[in-house]
Amino acid sequence: MKLTPEQLYNKLTKEYKIIGEKGSIKFTLKDLTITVKTKDTVGNLIQEWLVAWLNTNDIDFFLKSNSQVFPDLNLDIENPEKGLVEIKSFDYDKAANFDVANFMAYRRSIIDFPYRLDSDYLIFGYRMVDGAIEIADVWLKKIWEITGPSGDWPLKCQVKQGDLVNIRPIKWYNNAGTTYKPFNSALEFLTAFQENQYKYGKTRHDKGTALFLDKIKKGYTVSTGKSLK
């Protein structure tokens, strides 16, 4: 069955009604089974569960063999430029703190493959109490709908010892009282991305930084037939 990311999201949330459902993680060694109560493995296991759910429902997809390659899966097995989905999860009772993408790796990725800008993020917000996991909410978002500025950077990023490491999300849900809001468009996101490059010492004087935005605009139009707005 061939589904678009939007159709997958609707099937998962409206038909299967995953939101509000509960589960647990069990570990068995010899004759002893325990319920896992730590959150360290929840994200990976949700992704494994989703892959099993896709297989059970005969949904077409191609899973990347290298987990470090963006994005995680492709729902269009005939067109590698369509149906791109990245899977993320976070503790709903805390701020969303997952890595949206590695800053420099994402820079290289969208320069080489501008169509990846249209990738969807399938995001699971969960609660875990005494080993019981509840799916609190699920979202399907574009990268510019979950990212925004911070007090220090035009595009919020994790910074370690002065280095931009990972793009981090801002609160895109229940955010009426928050200071920083998500970007309104792909172009606004890319403009902030380029501003980060000018501010970041390792990319400030890179020749590719000055050409970045125009190169992405042209490449995106060539690969998708659409203009960035």
N, C-alpha and C. Protein backbone atom coordinates (compact mmCIF):
# COMPACT_ATOMS: atom_id res chain seq x y z
N MET A 1 0.85 -1.19 0.00
CA MET A 1 0.00 0.00 0.00
C MET A 1 0.89 1.24 0.00
N LYS A 2 0.68 2.09 -0.96
CA LYS A 2 1.47 3.31 -1.05
C LYS A 2 0.74 4.45 -0.35
N LEU A 3 1.40 5.08 0.62
CA LEU A 3 0.82 6.20 1.36
C LEU A 3 1.75 7.39 1.33
N THR A 4 1.18 8.57 1.33
CA THR A 4 1.96 9.77 1.53
C THR A 4 2.19 9.93 3.03
N PRO A 5 3.12 10.79 3.45
CA PRO A 5 3.29 11.02 4.88
C PRO A 5 1.99 11.48 5.56
N GLU A 6 1.22 12.32 4.88
CA GLU A 6 -0.05 12.79 5.45
C GLU A 6 -1.03 11.64 5.63
N GLN A 7 -1.10 10.75 4.64
CA GLN A 7 -2.00 9.59 4.73
C GLN A 7 -1.53 8.64 5.83
N LEU A 8 -0.23 8.48 5.97
CA LEU A 8 0.32 7.65 7.04
C LEU A 8 -0.07 8.22 8.40
N TYR A 9 0.11 9.53 8.55
CA TYR A 9 -0.23 10.18 9.81
C TYR A 9 -1.72 9.99 10.14
N ASN A 10 -2.58 10.15 9.16
CA ASN A 10 -4.02 10.00 9.39
C ASN A 10 -4.38 8.55 9.74
N LYS A 11 -3.72 7.62 9.07
CA LYS A 11 -3.98 6.21 9.35
C LYS A 11 -3.55 5.85 10.77
N LEU A 12 -2.42 6.38 11.17
CA LEU A 12 -1.87 6.09 12.50
C LEU A 12 -2.69 6.74 13.61
N THR A 13 -3.12 7.98 13.39
CA THR A 13 -3.78 8.74 14.47
C THR A 13 -5.30 8.65 14.43
N LYS A 14 -5.90 8.66 13.25
CA LYS A 14 -7.36 8.70 13.15
C LYS A 14 -7.98 7.31 12.97
N GLU A 15 -7.32 6.48 12.18
CA GLU A 15 -7.84 5.12 11.96
C GLU A 15 -7.37 4.17 13.06
N TYR A 16 -6.08 4.14 13.30
CA TYR A 16 -5.53 3.25 14.33
C TYR A 16 -5.70 3.83 15.73
N LYS A 17 -5.86 5.16 15.81
CA LYS A 17 -6.10 5.85 17.09
C LYS A 17 -4.99 5.59 18.12
N ILE A 18 -3.76 5.87 17.70
CA ILE A 18 -2.61 5.59 18.56
C ILE A 18 -2.52 6.56 19.74
N ILE A 19 -3.03 7.79 19.57
CA ILE A 19 -2.93 8.79 20.64
C ILE A 19 -3.77 8.35 21.84
N GLY A 20 -3.14 8.35 23.00
CA GLY A 20 -3.82 7.93 24.22
C GLY A 20 -3.60 6.47 24.56
N GLU A 21 -3.08 5.68 23.62
CA GLU A 21 -2.83 4.27 23.88
C GLU A 21 -1.60 4.09 24.77
N LYS A 22 -1.58 2.96 25.50
CA LYS A 22 -0.50 2.71 26.45
C LYS A 22 0.21 1.39 26.15
N GLY A 23 1.45 1.32 26.53
CA GLY A 23 2.23 0.10 26.35
C GLY A 23 3.31 0.04 27.40
N SER A 24 4.21 -0.91 27.24
CA SER A 24 5.33 -1.05 28.18
C SER A 24 6.48 -1.75 27.47
N ILE A 25 7.65 -1.69 28.09
CA ILE A 25 8.83 -2.34 27.54
C ILE A 25 9.23 -3.47 28.48
N LYS A 26 9.29 -4.67 27.95
CA LYS A 26 9.66 -5.84 28.74
C LYS A 26 11.04 -6.35 28.34
N PHE A 27 11.78 -6.85 29.31
CA PHE A 27 13.06 -7.48 29.03
C PHE A 27 13.10 -8.83 29.74
N THR A 28 13.40 -9.87 28.97
CA THR A 28 13.44 -11.23 29.53
C THR A 28 14.84 -11.80 29.43
N LEU A 29 15.34 -12.33 30.52
CA LEU A 29 16.62 -13.03 30.55
C LEU A 29 16.40 -14.32 31.32
N LYS A 30 16.53 -15.43 30.60
CA LYS A 30 16.24 -16.76 31.13
C LYS A 30 14.80 -16.81 31.62
N ASP A 31 14.57 -16.96 32.92
CA ASP A 31 13.20 -17.12 33.40
C ASP A 31 12.68 -15.88 34.13
N LEU A 32 13.39 -14.75 33.95
CA LEU A 32 12.98 -13.54 34.63
C LEU A 32 12.65 -12.44 33.62
N THR A 33 11.46 -11.89 33.72
CA THR A 33 11.02 -10.78 32.86
C THR A 33 10.77 -9.54 33.71
N ILE A 34 11.33 -8.42 33.27
CA ILE A 34 11.13 -7.18 34.00
C ILE A 34 10.48 -6.14 33.09
N THR A 35 9.84 -5.15 33.68
CA THR A 35 9.32 -4.00 32.96
C THR A 35 10.36 -2.89 33.04
N VAL A 36 10.82 -2.42 31.90
CA VAL A 36 11.85 -1.38 31.86
C VAL A 36 11.23 -0.04 32.22
N LYS A 37 11.84 0.64 33.18
CA LYS A 37 11.28 1.91 33.66
C LYS A 37 12.13 3.12 33.30
N THR A 38 13.29 2.90 32.69
CA THR A 38 14.12 4.02 32.25
C THR A 38 13.70 4.45 30.85
N LYS A 39 13.94 5.72 30.54
CA LYS A 39 13.48 6.28 29.26
C LYS A 39 14.54 6.24 28.16
N ASP A 40 15.71 5.71 28.48
CA ASP A 40 16.84 5.77 27.55
C ASP A 40 16.55 5.15 26.19
N THR A 41 15.78 4.07 26.18
CA THR A 41 15.58 3.33 24.93
C THR A 41 14.22 3.58 24.28
N VAL A 42 13.39 4.43 24.88
CA VAL A 42 12.02 4.59 24.39
C VAL A 42 11.98 5.05 22.93
N GLY A 43 12.80 6.05 22.59
CA GLY A 43 12.79 6.58 21.23
C GLY A 43 13.11 5.53 20.19
N ASN A 44 14.16 4.76 20.41
CA ASN A 44 14.54 3.71 19.46
C ASN A 44 13.47 2.64 19.34
N LEU A 45 12.85 2.29 20.48
CA LEU A 45 11.83 1.25 20.45
C LEU A 45 10.54 1.71 19.78
N ILE A 46 10.20 2.98 19.93
CA ILE A 46 9.04 3.51 19.20
C ILE A 46 9.28 3.42 17.71
N GLN A 47 10.50 3.73 17.28
CA GLN A 47 10.82 3.63 15.85
C GLN A 47 10.73 2.17 15.39
N GLU A 48 11.26 1.24 16.19
CA GLU A 48 11.16 -0.17 15.82
C GLU A 48 9.71 -0.64 15.77
N TRP A 49 8.91 -0.16 16.72
CA TRP A 49 7.49 -0.50 16.72
C TRP A 49 6.81 0.02 15.46
N LEU A 50 7.15 1.26 15.07
CA LEU A 50 6.54 1.85 13.88
C LEU A 50 6.89 1.04 12.63
N VAL A 51 8.13 0.60 12.52
CA VAL A 51 8.54 -0.23 11.38
C VAL A 51 7.72 -1.52 11.34
N ALA A 52 7.54 -2.14 12.51
CA ALA A 52 6.73 -3.37 12.57
C ALA A 52 5.28 -3.07 12.20
N TRP A 53 4.76 -1.94 12.62
CA TRP A 53 3.38 -1.54 12.30
C TRP A 53 3.23 -1.32 10.80
N LEU A 54 4.22 -0.69 10.18
CA LEU A 54 4.19 -0.48 8.72
C LEU A 54 4.15 -1.82 8.00
N ASN A 55 4.97 -2.77 8.44
CA ASN A 55 5.00 -4.10 7.83
C ASN A 55 3.67 -4.84 8.03
N THR A 56 3.14 -4.76 9.22
CA THR A 56 1.88 -5.44 9.54
C THR A 56 0.74 -4.92 8.68
N ASN A 57 0.78 -3.63 8.36
CA ASN A 57 -0.28 -3.01 7.57
C ASN A 57 0.03 -2.95 6.07
N ASP A 58 1.08 -3.67 5.67
CA ASP A 58 1.47 -3.76 4.25
C ASP A 58 1.65 -2.38 3.61
N ILE A 59 2.26 -1.49 4.35
CA ILE A 59 2.52 -0.14 3.84
C ILE A 59 3.91 -0.11 3.21
N ASP A 60 4.01 0.39 2.02
CA ASP A 60 5.29 0.46 1.32
C ASP A 60 6.23 1.43 2.03
N PHE A 61 7.47 1.02 2.20
CA PHE A 61 8.47 1.94 2.74
C PHE A 61 9.86 1.35 2.52
N PHE A 62 10.83 2.22 2.55
CA PHE A 62 12.23 1.82 2.46
C PHE A 62 12.95 2.42 3.65
N LEU A 63 13.53 1.57 4.46
CA LEU A 63 14.23 2.01 5.67
C LEU A 63 15.71 2.14 5.37
N LYS A 64 16.31 3.26 5.78
CA LYS A 64 17.73 3.47 5.55
C LYS A 64 18.54 2.48 6.38
N SER A 65 19.50 1.83 5.75
CA SER A 65 20.34 0.86 6.46
C SER A 65 21.30 1.55 7.43
N ASN A 66 21.65 2.79 7.11
CA ASN A 66 22.53 3.58 7.97
C ASN A 66 21.67 4.57 8.74
N SER A 67 21.56 4.38 10.05
CA SER A 67 20.69 5.22 10.87
C SER A 67 21.15 6.67 10.93
N GLN A 68 22.40 6.93 10.51
CA GLN A 68 22.92 8.30 10.54
C GLN A 68 22.56 9.08 9.28
N VAL A 69 22.01 8.40 8.28
CA VAL A 69 21.64 9.06 7.03
C VAL A 69 20.25 9.65 7.16
N PHE A 70 20.10 10.91 6.81
CA PHE A 70 18.84 11.61 6.90
C PHE A 70 18.07 11.45 5.58
N PRO A 71 16.75 11.25 5.61
CA PRO A 71 15.91 10.95 6.77
C PRO A 71 15.81 9.44 7.00
N ASP A 72 14.99 9.02 7.99
CA ASP A 72 14.95 7.62 8.42
C ASP A 72 14.35 6.70 7.37
N LEU A 73 13.24 7.10 6.77
CA LEU A 73 12.57 6.19 5.83
C LEU A 73 11.93 6.93 4.68
N ASN A 74 11.64 6.17 3.64
CA ASN A 74 11.05 6.70 2.42
C ASN A 74 9.78 5.91 2.15
N LEU A 75 8.64 6.60 2.06
CA LEU A 75 7.36 5.93 1.82
C LEU A 75 7.09 5.71 0.34
N ASP A 76 7.90 6.30 -0.52
CA ASP A 76 7.75 6.12 -1.97
C ASP A 76 8.93 5.30 -2.46
N ILE A 77 8.73 4.00 -2.63
CA ILE A 77 9.84 3.13 -2.99
C ILE A 77 10.25 3.27 -4.45
N GLU A 78 9.45 4.02 -5.23
CA GLU A 78 9.78 4.23 -6.64
C GLU A 78 10.48 5.56 -6.88
N ASN A 79 10.34 6.48 -5.93
CA ASN A 79 10.94 7.81 -6.10
C ASN A 79 11.67 8.19 -4.82
N PRO A 80 12.99 8.16 -4.82
CA PRO A 80 13.76 8.43 -3.61
C PRO A 80 13.67 9.88 -3.15
N GLU A 81 13.02 10.73 -3.93
CA GLU A 81 12.91 12.14 -3.56
C GLU A 81 11.55 12.47 -2.95
N LYS A 82 10.68 11.47 -2.81
CA LYS A 82 9.34 11.70 -2.29
C LYS A 82 9.09 10.85 -1.04
N GLY A 83 8.12 11.28 -0.25
CA GLY A 83 7.70 10.49 0.91
C GLY A 83 8.76 10.33 1.98
N LEU A 84 9.60 11.33 2.16
CA LEU A 84 10.70 11.24 3.13
C LEU A 84 10.21 11.57 4.54
N VAL A 85 10.51 10.69 5.48
CA VAL A 85 10.02 10.85 6.85
C VAL A 85 11.15 10.61 7.85
N GLU A 86 11.31 11.55 8.76
CA GLU A 86 12.24 11.43 9.89
C GLU A 86 11.41 11.18 11.14
N ILE A 87 11.79 10.20 11.95
CA ILE A 87 11.01 9.82 13.13
C ILE A 87 11.70 10.35 14.39
N LYS A 88 10.94 11.05 15.22
CA LYS A 88 11.46 11.60 16.46
C LYS A 88 10.49 11.32 17.60
N SER A 89 11.00 11.34 18.82
CA SER A 89 10.13 11.19 19.99
C SER A 89 10.74 11.94 21.16
N PHE A 90 9.88 12.27 22.13
CA PHE A 90 10.37 12.99 23.31
C PHE A 90 9.38 12.82 24.46
N ASP A 91 9.86 13.08 25.66
CA ASP A 91 9.05 13.03 26.87
C ASP A 91 8.12 14.24 26.87
N TYR A 92 6.83 14.00 26.76
CA TYR A 92 5.86 15.08 26.62
C TYR A 92 5.79 15.97 27.86
N ASP A 93 6.15 15.46 29.00
CA ASP A 93 6.10 16.25 30.23
C ASP A 93 7.33 17.13 30.41
N LYS A 94 8.25 17.07 29.46
CA LYS A 94 9.42 17.93 29.46
C LYS A 94 9.49 18.63 28.11
N ALA A 95 10.39 19.59 27.99
CA ALA A 95 10.54 20.28 26.70
C ALA A 95 11.08 19.33 25.65
N ALA A 96 10.61 19.48 24.42
CA ALA A 96 11.13 18.67 23.31
C ALA A 96 12.61 18.99 23.13
N ASN A 97 13.46 18.01 23.34
CA ASN A 97 14.91 18.27 23.31
C ASN A 97 15.65 17.32 22.38
N PHE A 98 14.92 16.72 21.43
CA PHE A 98 15.59 15.83 20.49
C PHE A 98 16.42 16.63 19.49
N ASP A 99 17.34 15.94 18.83
CA ASP A 99 18.14 16.58 17.78
C ASP A 99 17.36 16.54 16.48
N VAL A 100 17.03 17.71 15.96
CA VAL A 100 16.34 17.78 14.67
C VAL A 100 17.26 17.27 13.57
N ALA A 101 18.50 17.75 13.60
CA ALA A 101 19.52 17.31 12.64
C ALA A 101 20.85 17.89 13.09
N ASN A 102 21.94 17.23 12.74
CA ASN A 102 23.26 17.79 12.96
C ASN A 102 23.43 19.01 12.03
N PHE A 103 23.89 20.11 12.58
CA PHE A 103 23.92 21.36 11.83
C PHE A 103 24.74 21.25 10.55
N MET A 104 25.99 20.80 10.64
CA MET A 104 26.85 20.74 9.46
C MET A 104 26.41 19.63 8.50
N ALA A 105 25.95 18.52 9.05
CA ALA A 105 25.49 17.43 8.19
C ALA A 105 24.25 17.86 7.41
N TYR A 106 23.36 18.60 8.06
CA TYR A 106 22.15 19.07 7.37
C TYR A 106 22.52 20.08 6.29
N ARG A 107 23.50 20.91 6.58
CA ARG A 107 23.99 21.87 5.58
C ARG A 107 24.44 21.14 4.32
N ARG A 108 25.26 20.12 4.49
CA ARG A 108 25.74 19.35 3.34
C ARG A 108 24.59 18.63 2.64
N SER A 109 23.67 18.10 3.43
CA SER A 109 22.58 17.31 2.88
C SER A 109 21.68 18.12 1.96
N ILE A 110 21.27 19.30 2.40
CA ILE A 110 20.33 20.05 1.57
C ILE A 110 21.02 20.80 0.42
N ILE A 111 22.33 20.99 0.53
CA ILE A 111 23.06 21.52 -0.63
C ILE A 111 23.08 20.47 -1.73
N ASP A 112 23.37 19.22 -1.35
CA ASP A 112 23.44 18.13 -2.33
C ASP A 112 22.05 17.63 -2.75
N PHE A 113 21.11 17.65 -1.80
CA PHE A 113 19.76 17.12 -2.07
C PHE A 113 18.71 18.11 -1.57
N PRO A 114 18.50 19.21 -2.29
CA PRO A 114 17.59 20.27 -1.80
C PRO A 114 16.17 19.79 -1.54
N TYR A 115 15.72 18.73 -2.22
CA TYR A 115 14.36 18.23 -2.02
C TYR A 115 14.15 17.70 -0.59
N ARG A 116 15.24 17.39 0.11
CA ARG A 116 15.11 16.90 1.49
C ARG A 116 14.55 17.97 2.43
N LEU A 117 14.54 19.20 1.98
CA LEU A 117 13.93 20.26 2.77
C LEU A 117 12.45 19.96 3.02
N ASP A 118 11.81 19.24 2.11
CA ASP A 118 10.39 18.92 2.23
C ASP A 118 10.12 17.69 3.10
N SER A 119 11.15 17.09 3.66
CA SER A 119 10.95 15.91 4.50
C SER A 119 9.99 16.21 5.65
N ASP A 120 9.20 15.22 6.00
CA ASP A 120 8.29 15.35 7.13
C ASP A 120 8.90 14.75 8.38
N TYR A 121 8.59 15.36 9.52
CA TYR A 121 9.00 14.84 10.81
C TYR A 121 7.78 14.25 11.49
N LEU A 122 7.81 12.92 11.71
CA LEU A 122 6.74 12.24 12.44
C LEU A 122 7.21 12.16 13.89
N ILE A 123 6.54 12.90 14.76
CA ILE A 123 7.02 13.10 16.13
C ILE A 123 6.05 12.51 17.14
N PHE A 124 6.57 11.67 18.02
CA PHE A 124 5.77 11.05 19.08
C PHE A 124 6.10 11.73 20.41
N GLY A 125 5.08 12.27 21.07
CA GLY A 125 5.25 12.76 22.43
C GLY A 125 4.69 11.71 23.38
N TYR A 126 5.49 11.23 24.32
CA TYR A 126 5.05 10.15 25.20
C TYR A 126 5.20 10.54 26.66
N ARG A 127 4.46 9.86 27.50
CA ARG A 127 4.63 9.94 28.94
C ARG A 127 5.02 8.55 29.43
N MET A 128 5.87 8.49 30.45
CA MET A 128 6.26 7.20 31.01
C MET A 128 6.20 7.28 32.53
N VAL A 129 5.34 6.45 33.13
CA VAL A 129 5.18 6.42 34.57
C VAL A 129 5.27 4.97 35.04
N ASP A 130 6.29 4.67 35.86
CA ASP A 130 6.49 3.31 36.39
C ASP A 130 6.47 2.24 35.30
N GLY A 131 7.11 2.56 34.18
CA GLY A 131 7.22 1.59 33.09
C GLY A 131 6.07 1.60 32.11
N ALA A 132 4.99 2.31 32.43
CA ALA A 132 3.86 2.40 31.50
C ALA A 132 4.06 3.59 30.58
N ILE A 133 4.01 3.35 29.28
CA ILE A 133 4.22 4.39 28.28
C ILE A 133 2.88 4.75 27.64
N GLU A 134 2.58 6.03 27.63
CA GLU A 134 1.37 6.52 26.97
C GLU A 134 1.75 7.46 25.84
N ILE A 135 1.16 7.26 24.66
CA ILE A 135 1.39 8.18 23.55
C ILE A 135 0.48 9.39 23.77
N ALA A 136 1.08 10.50 24.19
CA ALA A 136 0.32 11.70 24.53
C ALA A 136 -0.15 12.45 23.30
N ASP A 137 0.69 12.49 22.27
CA ASP A 137 0.32 13.18 21.04
C ASP A 137 1.27 12.77 19.92
N VAL A 138 0.85 12.99 18.70
CA VAL A 138 1.67 12.70 17.52
C VAL A 138 1.50 13.85 16.54
N TRP A 139 2.60 14.27 15.93
CA TRP A 139 2.57 15.38 14.98
C TRP A 139 3.26 14.98 13.68
N LEU A 140 2.85 15.62 12.61
CA LEU A 140 3.56 15.53 11.33
C LEU A 140 3.91 16.96 10.94
N LYS A 141 5.20 17.27 10.94
CA LYS A 141 5.63 18.64 10.76
C LYS A 141 6.80 18.74 9.78
N LYS A 142 6.92 19.89 9.13
CA LYS A 142 8.11 20.22 8.36
C LYS A 142 9.15 20.81 9.31
N ILE A 143 10.39 20.86 8.87
CA ILE A 143 11.47 21.31 9.76
C ILE A 143 11.26 22.74 10.22
N TRP A 144 10.72 23.60 9.36
CA TRP A 144 10.53 24.99 9.75
C TRP A 144 9.34 25.17 10.71
N GLU A 145 8.52 24.14 10.87
CA GLU A 145 7.38 24.22 11.77
C GLU A 145 7.72 23.79 13.19
N ILE A 146 8.93 23.25 13.39
CA ILE A 146 9.35 22.83 14.73
C ILE A 146 10.62 23.54 15.18
N THR A 147 11.16 24.43 14.35
CA THR A 147 12.38 25.15 14.69
C THR A 147 12.10 26.65 14.69
N GLY A 148 13.00 27.39 15.34
CA GLY A 148 12.85 28.83 15.43
C GLY A 148 14.10 29.44 16.04
N PRO A 149 14.05 30.71 16.35
CA PRO A 149 15.22 31.37 16.93
C PRO A 149 15.35 31.09 18.43
N SER A 150 16.51 31.45 18.96
CA SER A 150 16.73 31.42 20.41
C SER A 150 17.28 32.77 20.82
N GLY A 151 17.59 32.93 22.08
CA GLY A 151 18.14 34.20 22.52
C GLY A 151 19.52 34.48 21.95
N ASP A 152 20.25 33.43 21.58
CA ASP A 152 21.62 33.60 21.12
C ASP A 152 21.81 33.41 19.61
N TRP A 153 20.88 32.69 18.98
CA TRP A 153 21.08 32.34 17.58
C TRP A 153 19.80 32.56 16.76
N PRO A 154 19.96 32.97 15.49
CA PRO A 154 18.79 33.11 14.62
C PRO A 154 18.03 31.79 14.46
N LEU A 155 18.78 30.66 14.50
CA LEU A 155 18.22 29.31 14.49
C LEU A 155 18.72 28.60 15.74
N LYS A 156 17.81 28.17 16.59
CA LYS A 156 18.20 27.52 17.84
C LYS A 156 19.02 26.27 17.58
N CYS A 157 20.17 26.19 18.21
CA CYS A 157 21.06 25.03 18.06
C CYS A 157 21.67 24.67 19.41
N GLN A 158 22.06 23.42 19.52
CA GLN A 158 22.87 22.97 20.65
C GLN A 158 24.29 23.44 20.39
N VAL A 159 24.91 24.05 21.38
CA VAL A 159 26.28 24.56 21.24
C VAL A 159 27.17 23.90 22.28
N LYS A 160 28.28 23.34 21.84
CA LYS A 160 29.25 22.73 22.75
C LYS A 160 30.62 23.32 22.49
N GLN A 161 31.20 23.95 23.51
CA GLN A 161 32.53 24.56 23.42
C GLN A 161 32.63 25.48 22.19
N GLY A 162 31.56 26.23 21.95
CA GLY A 162 31.57 27.19 20.85
C GLY A 162 31.18 26.63 19.50
N ASP A 163 31.00 25.30 19.42
CA ASP A 163 30.65 24.68 18.15
C ASP A 163 29.15 24.45 18.03
N LEU A 164 28.59 24.77 16.88
CA LEU A 164 27.20 24.43 16.60
C LEU A 164 27.14 22.94 16.32
N VAL A 165 26.38 22.21 17.13
CA VAL A 165 26.35 20.76 16.99
C VAL A 165 25.05 20.31 16.32
N ASN A 166 23.93 20.47 17.01
CA ASN A 166 22.66 19.99 16.47
C ASN A 166 21.61 21.10 16.45
N ILE A 167 20.78 21.06 15.43
CA ILE A 167 19.60 21.93 15.40
C ILE A 167 18.62 21.39 16.42
N ARG A 168 18.09 22.27 17.25
CA ARG A 168 17.17 21.85 18.30
C ARG A 168 15.78 22.45 18.06
N PRO A 169 14.74 21.74 18.45
CA PRO A 169 13.39 22.27 18.26
C PRO A 169 13.05 23.34 19.30
N ILE A 170 12.08 24.16 18.97
CA ILE A 170 11.48 25.02 19.97
C ILE A 170 10.09 24.46 20.24
N LYS A 171 9.38 25.01 21.18
CA LYS A 171 8.06 24.47 21.52
C LYS A 171 7.04 24.92 20.47
N TRP A 172 6.67 24.00 19.60
CA TRP A 172 5.71 24.31 18.54
C TRP A 172 4.26 24.03 18.98
N TYR A 173 4.09 23.33 20.08
CA TYR A 173 2.76 22.94 20.57
C TYR A 173 2.50 23.66 21.89
N ASN A 174 1.25 24.01 22.14
CA ASN A 174 0.88 24.71 23.38
C ASN A 174 1.85 25.84 23.69
N ASN A 175 2.11 26.67 22.70
CA ASN A 175 3.18 27.66 22.85
C ASN A 175 2.67 29.10 22.93
N ALA A 176 1.44 29.27 23.37
CA ALA A 176 0.85 30.62 23.42
C ALA A 176 1.68 31.57 24.28
N GLY A 177 2.30 31.06 25.35
CA GLY A 177 3.04 31.92 26.25
C GLY A 177 4.54 31.93 26.03
N THR A 178 5.01 31.30 24.98
CA THR A 178 6.45 31.21 24.74
C THR A 178 6.95 32.43 23.99
N THR A 179 8.21 32.77 24.21
CA THR A 179 8.81 33.95 23.57
C THR A 179 9.12 33.70 22.11
N TYR A 180 9.69 32.55 21.81
CA TYR A 180 10.14 32.26 20.46
C TYR A 180 9.18 31.29 19.77
N LYS A 181 8.77 31.64 18.57
CA LYS A 181 7.80 30.86 17.81
C LYS A 181 8.48 30.18 16.63
N PRO A 182 7.86 29.13 16.08
CA PRO A 182 8.42 28.48 14.89
C PRO A 182 8.45 29.43 13.69
N PHE A 183 9.30 29.10 12.76
CA PHE A 183 9.36 29.87 11.51
C PHE A 183 8.06 29.69 10.73
N ASN A 184 7.78 30.63 9.85
CA ASN A 184 6.54 30.60 9.08
C ASN A 184 6.68 29.94 7.71
N SER A 185 7.92 29.69 7.29
CA SER A 185 8.12 29.13 5.95
C SER A 185 9.49 28.50 5.85
N ALA A 186 9.67 27.72 4.79
CA ALA A 186 10.97 27.11 4.52
C ALA A 186 12.02 28.19 4.28
N LEU A 187 11.64 29.25 3.58
CA LEU A 187 12.59 30.32 3.28
C LEU A 187 13.04 31.04 4.54
N GLU A 188 12.11 31.24 5.48
CA GLU A 188 12.47 31.88 6.74
C GLU A 188 13.44 31.00 7.52
N PHE A 189 13.21 29.69 7.51
CA PHE A 189 14.13 28.76 8.16
C PHE A 189 15.51 28.81 7.53
N LEU A 190 15.57 28.78 6.20
CA LEU A 190 16.85 28.79 5.50
C LEU A 190 17.61 30.10 5.72
N THR A 191 16.86 31.20 5.77
CA THR A 191 17.50 32.49 6.02
C THR A 191 18.15 32.51 7.40
N ALA A 192 17.44 31.97 8.40
CA ALA A 192 18.02 31.88 9.74
C ALA A 192 19.22 30.94 9.76
N PHE A 193 19.12 29.84 9.00
CA PHE A 193 20.23 28.88 8.90
C PHE A 193 21.47 29.60 8.36
N GLN A 194 21.28 30.41 7.32
CA GLN A 194 22.42 31.13 6.75
C GLN A 194 22.96 32.17 7.73
N GLU A 195 22.09 32.82 8.47
CA GLU A 195 22.54 33.79 9.47
C GLU A 195 23.38 33.10 10.55
N ASN A 196 23.00 31.87 10.91
CA ASN A 196 23.83 31.10 11.85
C ASN A 196 25.22 30.87 11.27
N GLN A 197 25.28 30.58 9.99
CA GLN A 197 26.57 30.32 9.35
C GLN A 197 27.46 31.56 9.38
N TYR A 198 26.87 32.73 9.20
CA TYR A 198 27.65 33.96 9.26
C TYR A 198 28.12 34.27 10.67
N LYS A 199 27.35 33.83 11.65
CA LYS A 199 27.70 34.09 13.04
C LYS A 199 28.69 33.07 13.60
N TYR A 200 28.71 31.87 13.00
CA TYR A 200 29.53 30.75 13.47
C TYR A 200 30.93 30.86 12.87
N GLY A 201 31.92 30.84 13.73
CA GLY A 201 33.29 31.05 13.28
C GLY A 201 33.77 30.09 12.20
N LYS A 202 33.35 28.84 12.26
CA LYS A 202 33.85 27.83 11.33
C LYS A 202 33.22 27.93 9.94
N THR A 203 32.13 28.67 9.81
CA THR A 203 31.49 28.81 8.50
C THR A 203 31.41 30.26 8.03
N ARG A 204 31.79 31.20 8.90
CA ARG A 204 31.64 32.63 8.59
C ARG A 204 32.35 33.01 7.29
N HIS A 205 33.55 32.50 7.10
CA HIS A 205 34.33 32.88 5.92
C HIS A 205 34.38 31.78 4.86
N ASP A 206 33.57 30.76 5.04
CA ASP A 206 33.49 29.67 4.04
C ASP A 206 32.83 30.21 2.78
N LYS A 207 33.40 29.90 1.62
CA LYS A 207 32.83 30.37 0.36
C LYS A 207 31.40 29.89 0.18
N GLY A 208 31.13 28.68 0.69
CA GLY A 208 29.80 28.12 0.52
C GLY A 208 28.72 28.86 1.29
N THR A 209 29.12 29.58 2.34
CA THR A 209 28.13 30.29 3.14
C THR A 209 27.47 31.41 2.35
N ALA A 210 28.26 32.19 1.65
CA ALA A 210 27.72 33.30 0.87
C ALA A 210 26.81 32.81 -0.25
N LEU A 211 27.10 31.62 -0.77
CA LEU A 211 26.33 31.07 -1.89
C LEU A 211 25.19 30.18 -1.45
N PHE A 212 25.15 29.88 -0.14
CA PHE A 212 24.23 28.87 0.38
C PHE A 212 22.78 29.09 -0.02
N LEU A 213 22.23 30.23 0.30
CA LEU A 213 20.81 30.46 0.09
C LEU A 213 20.43 30.42 -1.38
N ASP A 214 21.20 31.08 -2.22
CA ASP A 214 20.89 31.08 -3.66
C ASP A 214 21.02 29.68 -4.24
N LYS A 215 22.02 28.95 -3.78
CA LYS A 215 22.23 27.59 -4.29
C LYS A 215 21.06 26.69 -3.92
N ILE A 216 20.57 26.80 -2.68
CA ILE A 216 19.44 25.98 -2.25
C ILE A 216 18.19 26.36 -3.04
N LYS A 217 17.95 27.65 -3.22
CA LYS A 217 16.78 28.10 -3.96
C LYS A 217 16.76 27.52 -5.37
N LYS A 218 17.88 27.62 -6.06
CA LYS A 218 17.96 27.12 -7.44
C LYS A 218 17.84 25.60 -7.48
N GLY A 219 18.55 24.94 -6.57
CA GLY A 219 18.51 23.48 -6.55
C GLY A 219 17.14 22.95 -6.20
N TYR A 220 16.46 23.62 -5.28
CA TYR A 220 15.12 23.21 -4.87
C TYR A 220 14.14 23.33 -6.04
N THR A 221 14.23 24.42 -6.79
CA THR A 221 13.34 24.61 -7.93
C THR A 221 13.59 23.56 -9.00
N VAL A 222 14.87 23.26 -9.25
CA VAL A 222 15.21 22.25 -10.25
C VAL A 222 14.69 20.88 -9.84
N SER A 223 14.83 20.51 -8.58
CA SER A 223 14.48 19.16 -8.14
C SER A 223 12.99 18.98 -7.85
N THR A 224 12.30 20.08 -7.50
CA THR A 224 10.88 19.94 -7.13
C THR A 224 9.93 20.65 -8.08
N GLY A 225 10.44 21.58 -8.86
CA GLY A 225 9.57 22.35 -9.74
C GLY A 225 8.84 23.46 -9.00
N LYS A 226 9.19 23.68 -7.73
CA LYS A 226 8.54 24.72 -6.93
C LYS A 226 9.55 25.78 -6.52
N SER A 227 9.05 26.96 -6.20
CA SER A 227 9.90 28.03 -5.71
C SER A 227 9.78 28.12 -4.19
N LEU A 228 10.89 28.42 -3.55
CA LEU A 228 10.87 28.59 -2.10
C LEU A 228 10.25 29.93 -1.74
N LYS A 229 9.32 29.89 -0.79
CA LYS A 229 8.65 31.12 -0.35
C LYS A 229 8.71 31.23 1.16
